[in-house]
C-alpha atoms as a PDB file:
ATOM      1  CA  MET A   1      -5.955 -18.708  45.955  1.00  0.00           C
ATOM      2  CA  ILE A   2      -8.048 -21.033  48.095  1.00  0.00           C
ATOM      3  CA  GLU A   3      -7.520 -24.709  47.438  1.00  0.00           C
ATOM      4  CA  ILE A   4     -10.535 -26.937  47.894  1.00  0.00           C
ATOM      5  CA  ASN A   5      -9.960 -30.474  49.071  1.00  0.00           C
ATOM      6  CA  THR A   6     -10.852 -33.387  46.828  1.00  0.00           C
ATOM      7  CA  ASP A   7     -13.697 -34.685  48.984  1.00  0.00           C
ATOM      8  CA  TYR A   8     -15.506 -31.359  48.808  1.00  0.00           C
ATOM      9  CA  LYS A   9     -14.935 -31.151  45.038  1.00  0.00           C
ATOM     10  CA  ILE A  10     -16.635 -34.526  44.670  1.00  0.00           C
ATOM     11  CA  LYS A  11     -19.527 -33.378  46.849  1.00  0.00           C
ATOM     12  CA  VAL A  12     -19.947 -30.272  44.680  1.00  0.00           C
ATOM     13  CA  ALA A  13     -19.833 -32.470  41.575  1.00  0.00           C
ATOM     14  CA  CYS A  14     -22.547 -34.686  43.034  1.00  0.00           C
ATOM     15  CA  SER A  15     -24.657 -31.590  43.748  1.00  0.00           C
ATOM     16  CA  GLN A  16     -24.274 -30.364  40.189  1.00  0.00           C
ATOM     17  CA  VAL A  17     -25.014 -33.766  38.655  1.00  0.00           C
ATOM     18  CA  SER A  18     -27.994 -34.247  40.956  1.00  0.00           C
ATOM     19  CA  ALA A  19     -29.413 -30.869  39.896  1.00  0.00           C
ATOM     20  CA  LEU A  20     -28.945 -31.784  36.232  1.00  0.00           C
ATOM     21  CA  LEU A  21     -30.563 -35.188  36.647  1.00  0.00           C
ATOM     22  CA  LYS A  22     -33.593 -33.568  38.291  1.00  0.00           C
ATOM     23  CA  CYS A  23     -34.233 -31.711  35.013  1.00  0.00           C
ATOM     24  CA  TYR A  24     -35.044 -34.963  33.259  1.00  0.00           C
ATOM     25  CA  SER A  25     -37.924 -37.373  33.582  1.00  0.00           C
ATOM     26  CA  GLN A  26     -37.364 -39.368  36.746  1.00  0.00           C
ATOM     27  CA  GLU A  27     -39.251 -42.345  35.329  1.00  0.00           C
ATOM     28  CA  LEU A  28     -36.880 -42.562  32.370  1.00  0.00           C
ATOM     29  CA  LEU A  29     -33.815 -42.086  34.545  1.00  0.00           C
ATOM     30  CA  ASN A  30     -34.976 -44.868  36.874  1.00  0.00           C
ATOM     31  CA  ILE A  31     -35.257 -47.186  33.865  1.00  0.00           C
ATOM     32  CA  TYR A  32     -31.661 -46.611  32.727  1.00  0.00           C
ATOM     33  CA  ILE A  33     -29.756 -45.575  35.842  1.00  0.00           C
ATOM     34  CA  PRO A  34     -29.947 -47.845  38.894  1.00  0.00           C
ATOM     35  CA  LYS A  35     -31.668 -46.263  41.878  1.00  0.00           C
ATOM     36  CA  ASN A  36     -28.692 -46.897  44.149  1.00  0.00           C
ATOM     37  CA  ILE A  37     -26.487 -44.777  41.849  1.00  0.00           C
ATOM     38  CA  ILE A  38     -28.915 -41.863  41.939  1.00  0.00           C
ATOM     39  CA  ASP A  39     -29.248 -42.266  45.722  1.00  0.00           C
ATOM     40  CA  GLU A  40     -25.451 -42.230  46.126  1.00  0.00           C
ATOM     41  CA  ILE A  41     -25.194 -39.058  44.077  1.00  0.00           C
ATOM     42  CA  ASN A  42     -27.929 -37.411  46.159  1.00  0.00           C
ATOM     43  CA  ASN A  43     -26.454 -38.634  49.472  1.00  0.00           C
ATOM     44  CA  ASN A  44     -22.950 -37.430  48.593  1.00  0.00           C
ATOM     45  CA  SER A  45     -24.062 -33.966  47.501  1.00  0.00           C
ATOM     46  CA  ALA A  46     -22.654 -31.001  49.385  1.00  0.00           C
ATOM     47  CA  SER A  47     -25.214 -29.737  51.865  1.00  0.00           C
ATOM     48  CA  ASP A  48     -23.877 -26.181  51.738  1.00  0.00           C
ATOM     49  CA  TYR A  49     -23.768 -25.920  47.932  1.00  0.00           C
ATOM     50  CA  GLU A  50     -26.742 -25.382  45.667  1.00  0.00           C
ATOM     51  CA  TYR A  51     -26.569 -25.532  41.891  1.00  0.00           C
ATOM     52  CA  ASP A  52     -29.433 -23.960  39.978  1.00  0.00           C
ATOM     53  CA  VAL A  53     -29.956 -25.172  36.423  1.00  0.00           C
ATOM     54  CA  ASP A  54     -31.714 -23.195  33.754  1.00  0.00           C
ATOM     55  CA  LEU A  55     -31.753 -25.391  30.658  1.00  0.00           C
ATOM     56  CA  LYS A  56     -32.352 -22.401  28.372  1.00  0.00           C
ATOM     57  CA  THR A  57     -29.145 -20.674  29.439  1.00  0.00           C
ATOM     58  CA  PHE A  58     -27.141 -23.720  30.518  1.00  0.00           C
ATOM     59  CA  ASN A  59     -23.420 -23.581  29.795  1.00  0.00           C
ATOM     60  CA  ILE A  60     -21.177 -26.623  30.212  1.00  0.00           C
ATOM     61  CA  ASN A  61     -18.396 -24.326  31.446  1.00  0.00           C
ATOM     62  CA  SER A  62     -20.383 -23.700  34.617  1.00  0.00           C
ATOM     63  CA  LEU A  63     -19.709 -27.298  35.670  1.00  0.00           C
ATOM     64  CA  THR A  64     -16.607 -28.419  37.488  1.00  0.00           C
ATOM     65  CA  GLU A  65     -14.230 -30.924  35.900  1.00  0.00           C
ATOM     66  CA  GLU A  66     -15.368 -33.517  38.408  1.00  0.00           C
ATOM     67  CA  SER A  67     -18.993 -32.980  37.402  1.00  0.00           C
ATOM     68  CA  VAL A  68     -18.192 -33.450  33.735  1.00  0.00           C
ATOM     69  CA  ALA A  69     -16.249 -36.609  34.553  1.00  0.00           C
ATOM     70  CA  LEU A  70     -19.143 -37.954  36.637  1.00  0.00           C
ATOM     71  CA  LEU A  71     -21.637 -37.168  33.870  1.00  0.00           C
ATOM     72  CA  LEU A  72     -19.388 -38.877  31.318  1.00  0.00           C
ATOM     73  CA  LEU A  73     -19.136 -41.912  33.573  1.00  0.00           C
ATOM     74  CA  ILE A  74     -22.915 -42.090  34.007  1.00  0.00           C
ATOM     75  CA  PHE A  75     -23.500 -41.615  30.297  1.00  0.00           C
ATOM     76  CA  ASN A  76     -20.890 -44.207  29.366  1.00  0.00           C
ATOM     77  CA  GLU A  77     -22.155 -46.808  31.837  1.00  0.00           C
ATOM     78  CA  TYR A  78     -25.919 -46.434  31.592  1.00  0.00           C
ATOM     79  CA  LEU A  79     -27.116 -44.258  28.707  1.00  0.00           C
ATOM     80  CA  SER A  80     -24.775 -44.737  25.755  1.00  0.00           C
ATOM     81  CA  THR A  81     -25.112 -47.178  22.901  1.00  0.00           C
ATOM     82  CA  LYS A  82     -22.430 -49.716  22.099  1.00  0.00           C
ATOM     83  CA  ASN A  83     -21.068 -47.484  19.321  1.00  0.00           C
ATOM     84  CA  GLN A  84     -20.941 -44.470  21.651  1.00  0.00           C
ATOM     85  CA  LYS A  85     -19.159 -46.532  24.308  1.00  0.00           C
ATOM     86  CA  GLU A  86     -16.535 -47.595  21.790  1.00  0.00           C
ATOM     87  CA  LYS A  87     -15.978 -43.983  20.731  1.00  0.00           C
ATOM     88  CA  ILE A  88     -15.682 -42.828  24.339  1.00  0.00           C
ATOM     89  CA  GLU A  89     -13.247 -45.635  25.187  1.00  0.00           C
ATOM     90  CA  SER A  90     -11.107 -44.950  22.123  1.00  0.00           C
ATOM     91  CA  TYR A  91     -11.080 -41.234  22.933  1.00  0.00           C
ATOM     92  CA  LEU A  92     -10.060 -41.880  26.539  1.00  0.00           C
ATOM     93  CA  ASP A  93      -7.368 -44.311  25.393  1.00  0.00           C
ATOM     94  CA  TYR A  94      -6.088 -41.729  22.935  1.00  0.00           C
ATOM     95  CA  CYS A  95      -6.030 -39.061  25.664  1.00  0.00           C
ATOM     96  CA  ASN A  96      -4.124 -41.334  28.020  1.00  0.00           C
ATOM     97  CA  GLN A  97      -1.626 -42.289  25.355  1.00  0.00           C
ATOM     98  CA  THR A  98      -0.966 -38.749  24.192  1.00  0.00           C
ATOM     99  CA  GLN A  99      -0.991 -37.221  27.645  1.00  0.00           C
ATOM    100  CA  PHE A 100       1.642 -39.561  28.998  1.00  0.00           C
ATOM    101  CA  SER A 101       3.611 -40.385  25.873  1.00  0.00           C
ATOM    102  CA  TYR A 102       7.321 -39.753  25.975  1.00  0.00           C
ATOM    103  CA  ASP A 103       7.244 -37.400  22.997  1.00  0.00           C
ATOM    104  CA  ASN A 104       4.534 -35.174  24.443  1.00  0.00           C
ATOM    105  CA  LEU A 105       6.079 -35.012  27.875  1.00  0.00           C
ATOM    106  CA  PHE A 106       9.330 -33.721  26.476  1.00  0.00           C
ATOM    107  CA  LYS A 107       8.134 -32.068  23.264  1.00  0.00           C
ATOM    108  CA  ASN A 108       8.276 -28.555  24.679  1.00  0.00           C
ATOM    109  CA  LYS A 109      11.667 -29.067  26.209  1.00  0.00           C
ATOM    110  CA  THR A 110      14.508 -27.609  24.218  1.00  0.00           C
ATOM    111  CA  LYS A 111      17.963 -28.980  24.318  1.00  0.00           C
ATOM    112  CA  SER A 112      20.082 -26.795  26.442  1.00  0.00           C
ATOM    113  CA  ASN A 113      22.981 -25.269  24.650  1.00  0.00           C
ATOM    114  CA  ILE A 114      26.023 -26.875  26.116  1.00  0.00           C
ATOM    115  CA  LYS A 115      28.990 -24.646  25.682  1.00  0.00           C
ATOM    116  CA  ASN A 116      32.509 -25.868  25.640  1.00  0.00           C
ATOM    117  CA  ILE A 117      33.850 -25.201  29.046  1.00  0.00           C
ATOM    118  CA  ASN A 118      37.573 -24.995  29.316  1.00  0.00           C
ATOM    119  CA  ASN A 119      38.427 -27.173  32.238  1.00  0.00           C
ATOM    120  CA  LYS A 120      41.619 -25.775  33.627  1.00  0.00           C
ATOM    121  CA  HIS A 121      41.629 -28.265  36.440  1.00  0.00           C
ATOM    122  CA  THR A 122      41.988 -31.686  34.936  1.00  0.00           C
ATOM    123  CA  GLN A 123      43.627 -33.335  37.902  1.00  0.00           C
ATOM    124  CA  LEU A 124      42.116 -36.390  39.470  1.00  0.00           C
ATOM    125  CA  ILE A 125      40.634 -35.923  42.874  1.00  0.00           C
ATOM    126  CA  VAL A 126      41.592 -38.610  45.325  1.00  0.00           C
ATOM    127  CA  TYR A 127      39.006 -39.595  47.869  1.00  0.00           C
ATOM    128  CA  SER A 128      40.093 -41.465  50.941  1.00  0.00           C
ATOM    129  CA  ASN A 129      38.217 -44.441  52.233  1.00  0.00           C
ATOM    130  CA  GLU A 130      38.306 -43.366  55.860  1.00  0.00           C
ATOM    131  CA  ASN A 131      35.593 -44.405  58.210  1.00  0.00           C
ATOM    132  CA  ILE A 132      33.335 -41.810  59.739  1.00  0.00           C
ATOM    133  CA  ILE A 133      35.181 -41.621  63.056  1.00  0.00           C
ATOM    134  CA  MET A 134      38.506 -40.883  61.361  1.00  0.00           C
ATOM    135  CA  LYS A 135      36.868 -38.207  59.235  1.00  0.00           C
ATOM    136  CA  ILE A 136      35.487 -36.527  62.343  1.00  0.00           C
ATOM    137  CA  ILE A 137      38.867 -36.647  64.050  1.00  0.00           C
ATOM    138  CA  HIS A 138      40.562 -35.096  60.994  1.00  0.00           C
ATOM    139  CA  LYS A 139      37.940 -32.364  60.836  1.00  0.00           C
ATOM    140  CA  ILE A 140      38.507 -31.532  64.495  1.00  0.00           C
ATOM    141  CA  LYS A 141      42.295 -31.493  63.994  1.00  0.00           C
ATOM    142  CA  ASN A 142      41.947 -29.232  60.955  1.00  0.00           C
ATOM    143  CA  PHE A 143      39.607 -26.948  62.851  1.00  0.00           C
ATOM    144  CA  PHE A 144      42.153 -26.489  65.647  1.00  0.00           C
ATOM    145  CA  LYS A 145      45.066 -26.772  63.203  1.00  0.00           C
ATOM    146  CA  ILE A 146      46.558 -29.669  65.072  1.00  0.00           C
ATOM    147  CA  GLY A 147      49.174 -31.586  63.209  1.00  0.00           C
END
């Protein structure tokens, strides 16, 4: 599978959003959306990607996730009413809370069945506090089986 870098994904999203915005009345868009935002979207569009929009057969699934996010951002900032903004914000807050909540992160995890393991070796292991040089010397002695 070919992985596309994030910068190119954003450029493709800008191309898709630009093509969608061209379907609407430019005069109305210029009233609600600042010209510098539309210019930035057009300037950041991928030059080697073209998105054709047919409003009669348009399907939201043909857009990338980045395009949908950019459209939501534009709608939320410039086109939505106060009530719509509140609904969008509450939905995004809910998504963030549920996506990263402790219960949801570990909900699908099952407790591993811990079996009783008979530990036959219950002796304490004694670790020496030798410095690194002494450890190396002992390793060399053990390797050559020197006393």
